[in-house]
Amino acid sequence: MYLTGAAGSVLVIPGIPENVKTIAGYALTVGAVLAAVSKLPVKDPDYSTLDQKKDENFN
């Protein structure tokens, strides 16, 4: 989120060289993709089955 905010701020400044705007555009894209990926759901591992297997080994 900070990357997209910083890149967006750089893009709106008038009189910036074109190569800086290009880099800021790439940074904006990367930041948006990272923000979207971080919102994806993640499946939690099932630790209860691991505990049961560990208990069975001790019996």
PDB file of N, CA and C in Angstrom:
ATOM      1  N   MET A   1       0.810  -1.187   0.000  1.00  0.00           N
ATOM      2  CA  MET A   1       0.000   0.000   0.000  1.00  0.00           C
ATOM      3  C   MET A   1       0.859   1.259   0.000  1.00  0.00           C
ATOM      4  N   TYR A   2       1.966   1.216   0.732  1.00  0.00           N
ATOM      5  CA  TYR A   2       2.828   2.394   0.781  1.00  0.00           C
ATOM      6  C   TYR A   2       3.499   2.633  -0.563  1.00  0.00           C
ATOM      7  N   LEU A   3       3.812   1.541  -1.245  1.00  0.00           N
ATOM      8  CA  LEU A   3       4.467   1.662  -2.546  1.00  0.00           C
ATOM      9  C   LEU A   3       3.541   2.334  -3.553  1.00  0.00           C
ATOM     10  N   THR A   4       2.283   1.956  -3.575  1.00  0.00           N
ATOM     11  CA  THR A   4       1.346   2.569  -4.511  1.00  0.00           C
ATOM     12  C   THR A   4       1.095   4.034  -4.159  1.00  0.00           C
ATOM     13  N   GLY A   5       1.039   4.326  -2.874  1.00  0.00           N
ATOM     14  CA  GLY A   5       0.841   5.717  -2.465  1.00  0.00           C
ATOM     15  C   GLY A   5       2.008   6.607  -2.851  1.00  0.00           C
ATOM     16  N   ALA A   6       3.205   6.105  -2.628  1.00  0.00           N
ATOM     17  CA  ALA A   6       4.391   6.890  -2.980  1.00  0.00           C
ATOM     18  C   ALA A   6       4.499   7.059  -4.490  1.00  0.00           C
ATOM     19  N   ALA A   7       4.243   6.001  -5.235  1.00  0.00           N
ATOM     20  CA  ALA A   7       4.320   6.086  -6.696  1.00  0.00           C
ATOM     21  C   ALA A   7       3.242   7.014  -7.241  1.00  0.00           C
ATOM     22  N   GLY A   8       2.059   6.954  -6.677  1.00  0.00           N
ATOM     23  CA  GLY A   8       0.994   7.851  -7.110  1.00  0.00           C
ATOM     24  C   GLY A   8       1.312   9.301  -6.818  1.00  0.00           C
ATOM     25  N   SER A   9       1.950   9.539  -5.695  1.00  0.00           N
ATOM     26  CA  SER A   9       2.347  10.907  -5.354  1.00  0.00           C
ATOM     27  C   SER A   9       3.397  11.443  -6.307  1.00  0.00           C
ATOM     28  N   VAL A  10       4.320  10.602  -6.700  1.00  0.00           N
ATOM     29  CA  VAL A  10       5.368  11.016  -7.633  1.00  0.00           C
ATOM     30  C   VAL A  10       4.770  11.316  -9.004  1.00  0.00           C
ATOM     31  N   LEU A  11       3.788  10.544  -9.413  1.00  0.00           N
ATOM     32  CA  LEU A  11       3.205  10.723 -10.746  1.00  0.00           C
ATOM     33  C   LEU A  11       2.459  12.036 -10.910  1.00  0.00           C
ATOM     34  N   VAL A  12       1.933  12.597  -9.841  1.00  0.00           N
ATOM     35  CA  VAL A  12       1.136  13.825  -9.970  1.00  0.00           C
ATOM     36  C   VAL A  12       1.973  15.100  -9.851  1.00  0.00           C
ATOM     37  N   ILE A  13       3.259  14.966  -9.552  1.00  0.00           N
ATOM     38  CA  ILE A  13       4.123  16.144  -9.449  1.00  0.00           C
ATOM     39  C   ILE A  13       4.429  16.658 -10.851  1.00  0.00           C
ATOM     40  N   PRO A  14       4.129  17.919 -11.122  1.00  0.00           N
ATOM     41  CA  PRO A  14       4.404  18.442 -12.473  1.00  0.00           C
ATOM     42  C   PRO A  14       5.904  18.668 -12.703  1.00  0.00           C
ATOM     43  N   GLY A  15       6.322  18.489 -13.923  1.00  0.00           N
ATOM     44  CA  GLY A  15       7.695  18.776 -14.310  1.00  0.00           C
ATOM     45  C   GLY A  15       8.702  17.682 -13.995  1.00  0.00           C
ATOM     46  N   ILE A  16       8.239  16.479 -13.731  1.00  0.00           N
ATOM     47  CA  ILE A  16       9.157  15.373 -13.442  1.00  0.00           C
ATOM     48  C   ILE A  16       9.631  14.773 -14.759  1.00  0.00           C
ATOM     49  N   PRO A  17      10.901  14.380 -14.843  1.00  0.00           N
ATOM     50  CA  PRO A  17      11.401  13.752 -16.067  1.00  0.00           C
ATOM     51  C   PRO A  17      10.624  12.471 -16.415  1.00  0.00           C
ATOM     52  N   GLU A  18      10.595  12.161 -17.672  1.00  0.00           N
ATOM     53  CA  GLU A  18       9.809  11.027 -18.155  1.00  0.00           C
ATOM     54  C   GLU A  18      10.307   9.690 -17.606  1.00  0.00           C
ATOM     55  N   ASN A  19      11.618   9.545 -17.425  1.00  0.00           N
ATOM     56  CA  ASN A  19      12.119   8.272 -16.910  1.00  0.00           C
ATOM     57  C   ASN A  19      11.706   8.040 -15.453  1.00  0.00           C
ATOM     58  N   VAL A  20      11.569   9.097 -14.675  1.00  0.00           N
ATOM     59  CA  VAL A  20      11.095   8.962 -13.296  1.00  0.00           C
ATOM     60  C   VAL A  20       9.619   8.573 -13.292  1.00  0.00           C
ATOM     61  N   LYS A  21       8.852   9.145 -14.222  1.00  0.00           N
ATOM     62  CA  LYS A  21       7.433   8.776 -14.331  1.00  0.00           C
ATOM     63  C   LYS A  21       7.277   7.319 -14.745  1.00  0.00           C
ATOM     64  N   THR A  22       8.160   6.838 -15.605  1.00  0.00           N
ATOM     65  CA  THR A  22       8.105   5.436 -16.020  1.00  0.00           C
ATOM     66  C   THR A  22       8.381   4.513 -14.842  1.00  0.00           C
ATOM     67  N   ILE A  23       9.395   4.828 -14.056  1.00  0.00           N
ATOM     68  CA  ILE A  23       9.718   4.013 -12.883  1.00  0.00           C
ATOM     69  C   ILE A  23       8.586   4.058 -11.869  1.00  0.00           C
ATOM     70  N   ALA A  24       8.009   5.224 -11.669  1.00  0.00           N
ATOM     71  CA  ALA A  24       6.885   5.355 -10.739  1.00  0.00           C
ATOM     72  C   ALA A  24       5.676   4.564 -11.237  1.00  0.00           C
ATOM     73  N   GLY A  25       5.476   4.519 -12.543  1.00  0.00           N
ATOM     74  CA  GLY A  25       4.383   3.726 -13.099  1.00  0.00           C
ATOM     75  C   GLY A  25       4.574   2.245 -12.830  1.00  0.00           C
ATOM     76  N   TYR A  26       5.819   1.770 -12.987  1.00  0.00           N
ATOM     77  CA  TYR A  26       6.106   0.372 -12.677  1.00  0.00           C
ATOM     78  C   TYR A  26       5.923   0.092 -11.189  1.00  0.00           C
ATOM     79  N   ALA A  27       6.369   1.010 -10.354  1.00  0.00           N
ATOM     80  CA  ALA A  27       6.210   0.837  -8.910  1.00  0.00           C
ATOM     81  C   ALA A  27       4.737   0.815  -8.521  1.00  0.00           C
ATOM     82  N   LEU A  28       3.940   1.633  -9.178  1.00  0.00           N
ATOM     83  CA  LEU A  28       2.498   1.642  -8.925  1.00  0.00           C
ATOM     84  C   LEU A  28       1.877   0.302  -9.299  1.00  0.00           C
ATOM     85  N   THR A  29       2.281  -0.247 -10.425  1.00  0.00           N
ATOM     86  CA  THR A  29       1.760  -1.543 -10.862  1.00  0.00           C
ATOM     87  C   THR A  29       2.171  -2.650  -9.901  1.00  0.00           C
ATOM     88  N   VAL A  30       3.436  -2.672  -9.520  1.00  0.00           N
ATOM     89  CA  VAL A  30       3.922  -3.699  -8.592  1.00  0.00           C
ATOM     90  C   VAL A  30       3.205  -3.584  -7.254  1.00  0.00           C
ATOM     91  N   GLY A  31       3.031  -2.388  -6.761  1.00  0.00           N
ATOM     92  CA  GLY A  31       2.333  -2.195  -5.496  1.00  0.00           C
ATOM     93  C   GLY A  31       0.887  -2.652  -5.550  1.00  0.00           C
ATOM     94  N   ALA A  32       0.216  -2.388  -6.661  1.00  0.00           N
ATOM     95  CA  ALA A  32      -1.176  -2.817  -6.799  1.00  0.00           C
ATOM     96  C   ALA A  32      -1.276  -4.339  -6.853  1.00  0.00           C
ATOM     97  N   VAL A  33      -0.357  -4.971  -7.559  1.00  0.00           N
ATOM     98  CA  VAL A  33      -0.367  -6.437  -7.642  1.00  0.00           C
ATOM     99  C   VAL A  33      -0.075  -7.045  -6.274  1.00  0.00           C
ATOM    100  N   LEU A  34       0.901  -6.511  -5.562  1.00  0.00           N
ATOM    101  CA  LEU A  34       1.212  -7.031  -4.230  1.00  0.00           C
ATOM    102  C   LEU A  34       0.046  -6.848  -3.263  1.00  0.00           C
ATOM    103  N   ALA A  35      -0.642  -5.742  -3.365  1.00  0.00           N
ATOM    104  CA  ALA A  35      -1.804  -5.515  -2.501  1.00  0.00           C
ATOM    105  C   ALA A  35      -2.914  -6.517  -2.818  1.00  0.00           C
ATOM    106  N   ALA A  36      -3.118  -6.810  -4.100  1.00  0.00           N
ATOM    107  CA  ALA A  36      -4.151  -7.773  -4.480  1.00  0.00           C
ATOM    108  C   ALA A  36      -3.784  -9.184  -4.032  1.00  0.00           C
ATOM    109  N   VAL A  37      -2.529  -9.565  -4.190  1.00  0.00           N
ATOM    110  CA  VAL A  37      -2.099 -10.908  -3.800  1.00  0.00           C
ATOM    111  C   VAL A  37      -2.171 -11.082  -2.287  1.00  0.00           C
ATOM    112  N   SER A  38      -1.881 -10.044  -1.544  1.00  0.00           N
ATOM    113  CA  SER A  38      -1.915 -10.162  -0.087  1.00  0.00           C
ATOM    114  C   SER A  38      -3.327 -10.366   0.445  1.00  0.00           C
ATOM    115  N   LYS A  39      -4.329 -10.057  -0.355  1.00  0.00           N
ATOM    116  CA  LYS A  39      -5.713 -10.223   0.074  1.00  0.00           C
ATOM    117  C   LYS A  39      -6.258 -11.622  -0.228  1.00  0.00           C
ATOM    118  N   LEU A  40      -5.503 -12.448  -0.959  1.00  0.00           N
ATOM    119  CA  LEU A  40      -5.978 -13.782  -1.309  1.00  0.00           C
ATOM    120  C   LEU A  40      -6.057 -14.658  -0.066  1.00  0.00           C
ATOM    121  N   PRO A  41      -7.062 -15.538  -0.020  1.00  0.00           N
ATOM    122  CA  PRO A  41      -7.188 -16.405   1.155  1.00  0.00           C
ATOM    123  C   PRO A  41      -6.094 -17.476   1.174  1.00  0.00           C
ATOM    124  N   VAL A  42      -5.735 -17.885   2.372  1.00  0.00           N
ATOM    125  CA  VAL A  42      -4.736 -18.933   2.555  1.00  0.00           C
ATOM    126  C   VAL A  42      -5.356 -20.027   3.413  1.00  0.00           C
ATOM    127  N   LYS A  43      -5.179 -21.268   2.977  1.00  0.00           N
ATOM    128  CA  LYS A  43      -5.723 -22.382   3.747  1.00  0.00           C
ATOM    129  C   LYS A  43      -4.792 -22.685   4.916  1.00  0.00           C
ATOM    130  N   ASP A  44      -5.350 -22.701   6.119  1.00  0.00           N
ATOM    131  CA  ASP A  44      -4.571 -23.025   7.303  1.00  0.00           C
ATOM    132  C   ASP A  44      -4.311 -24.525   7.352  1.00  0.00           C
ATOM    133  N   PRO A  45      -3.123 -24.922   7.753  1.00  0.00           N
ATOM    134  CA  PRO A  45      -2.861 -26.359   7.880  1.00  0.00           C
ATOM    135  C   PRO A  45      -3.663 -26.941   9.033  1.00  0.00           C
ATOM    136  N   ASP A  46      -4.000 -28.204   8.916  1.00  0.00           N
ATOM    137  CA  ASP A  46      -4.791 -28.875   9.945  1.00  0.00           C
ATOM    138  C   ASP A  46      -3.837 -29.499  10.955  1.00  0.00           C
ATOM    139  N   TYR A  47      -3.579 -28.800  12.034  1.00  0.00           N
ATOM    140  CA  TYR A  47      -2.636 -29.275  13.036  1.00  0.00           C
ATOM    141  C   TYR A  47      -3.224 -30.369  13.919  1.00  0.00           C
ATOM    142  N   SER A  48      -4.541 -30.505  13.945  1.00  0.00           N
ATOM    143  CA  SER A  48      -5.143 -31.508  14.816  1.00  0.00           C
ATOM    144  C   SER A  48      -4.756 -32.917  14.374  1.00  0.00           C
ATOM    145  N   THR A  49      -4.654 -33.156  13.079  1.00  0.00           N
ATOM    146  CA  THR A  49      -4.269 -34.485  12.614  1.00  0.00           C
ATOM    147  C   THR A  49      -2.805 -34.758  12.918  1.00  0.00           C
ATOM    148  N   LEU A  50      -1.966 -33.738  12.913  1.00  0.00           N
ATOM    149  CA  LEU A  50      -0.563 -33.937  13.247  1.00  0.00           C
ATOM    150  C   LEU A  50      -0.413 -34.326  14.713  1.00  0.00           C
ATOM    151  N   ASP A  51      -1.189 -33.709  15.590  1.00  0.00           N
ATOM    152  CA  ASP A  51      -1.131 -34.045  17.011  1.00  0.00           C
ATOM    153  C   ASP A  51      -1.595 -35.472  17.253  1.00  0.00           C
ATOM    154  N   GLN A  52      -2.630 -35.919  16.536  1.00  0.00           N
ATOM    155  CA  GLN A  52      -3.129 -37.273  16.700  1.00  0.00           C
ATOM    156  C   GLN A  52      -2.086 -38.288  16.242  1.00  0.00           C
ATOM    157  N   LYS A  53      -1.404 -38.010  15.153  1.00  0.00           N
ATOM    158  CA  LYS A  53      -0.384 -38.931  14.660  1.00  0.00           C
ATOM    159  C   LYS A  53       0.783 -39.010  15.634  1.00  0.00           C
ATOM    160  N   LYS A  54       1.140 -37.886  16.230  1.00  0.00           N
ATOM    161  CA  LYS A  54       2.234 -37.874  17.189  1.00  0.00           C
ATOM    162  C   LYS A  54       1.860 -38.699  18.417  1.00  0.00           C
ATOM    163  N   ASP A  55       0.604 -38.599  18.879  1.00  0.00           N
ATOM    164  CA  ASP A  55       0.147 -39.359  20.038  1.00  0.00           C
ATOM    165  C   ASP A  55       0.113 -40.851  19.734  1.00  0.00           C
ATOM    166  N   GLU A  56      -0.251 -41.228  18.510  1.00  0.00           N
ATOM    167  CA  GLU A  56      -0.312 -42.646  18.146  1.00  0.00           C
ATOM    168  C   GLU A  56       1.070 -43.278  18.133  1.00  0.00           C
ATOM    169  N   ASN A  57       2.102 -42.504  17.802  1.00  0.00           N
ATOM    170  CA  ASN A  57       3.460 -43.027  17.763  1.00  0.00           C
ATOM    171  C   ASN A  57       3.990 -43.353  19.158  1.00  0.00           C
ATOM    172  N   PHE A  58       3.485 -42.676  20.179  1.00  0.00           N
ATOM    173  CA  PHE A  58       3.965 -42.909  21.532  1.00  0.00           C
ATOM    174  C   PHE A  58       3.289 -44.096  22.190  1.00  0.00           C
ATOM    175  N   ASN A  59       2.174 -44.573  21.655  1.00  0.00           N
ATOM    176  CA  ASN A  59       1.439 -45.707  22.264  1.00  0.00           C
ATOM    177  C   ASN A  59       1.975 -47.015  21.825  1.00  0.00           C
TER     178      ASN A  59
END
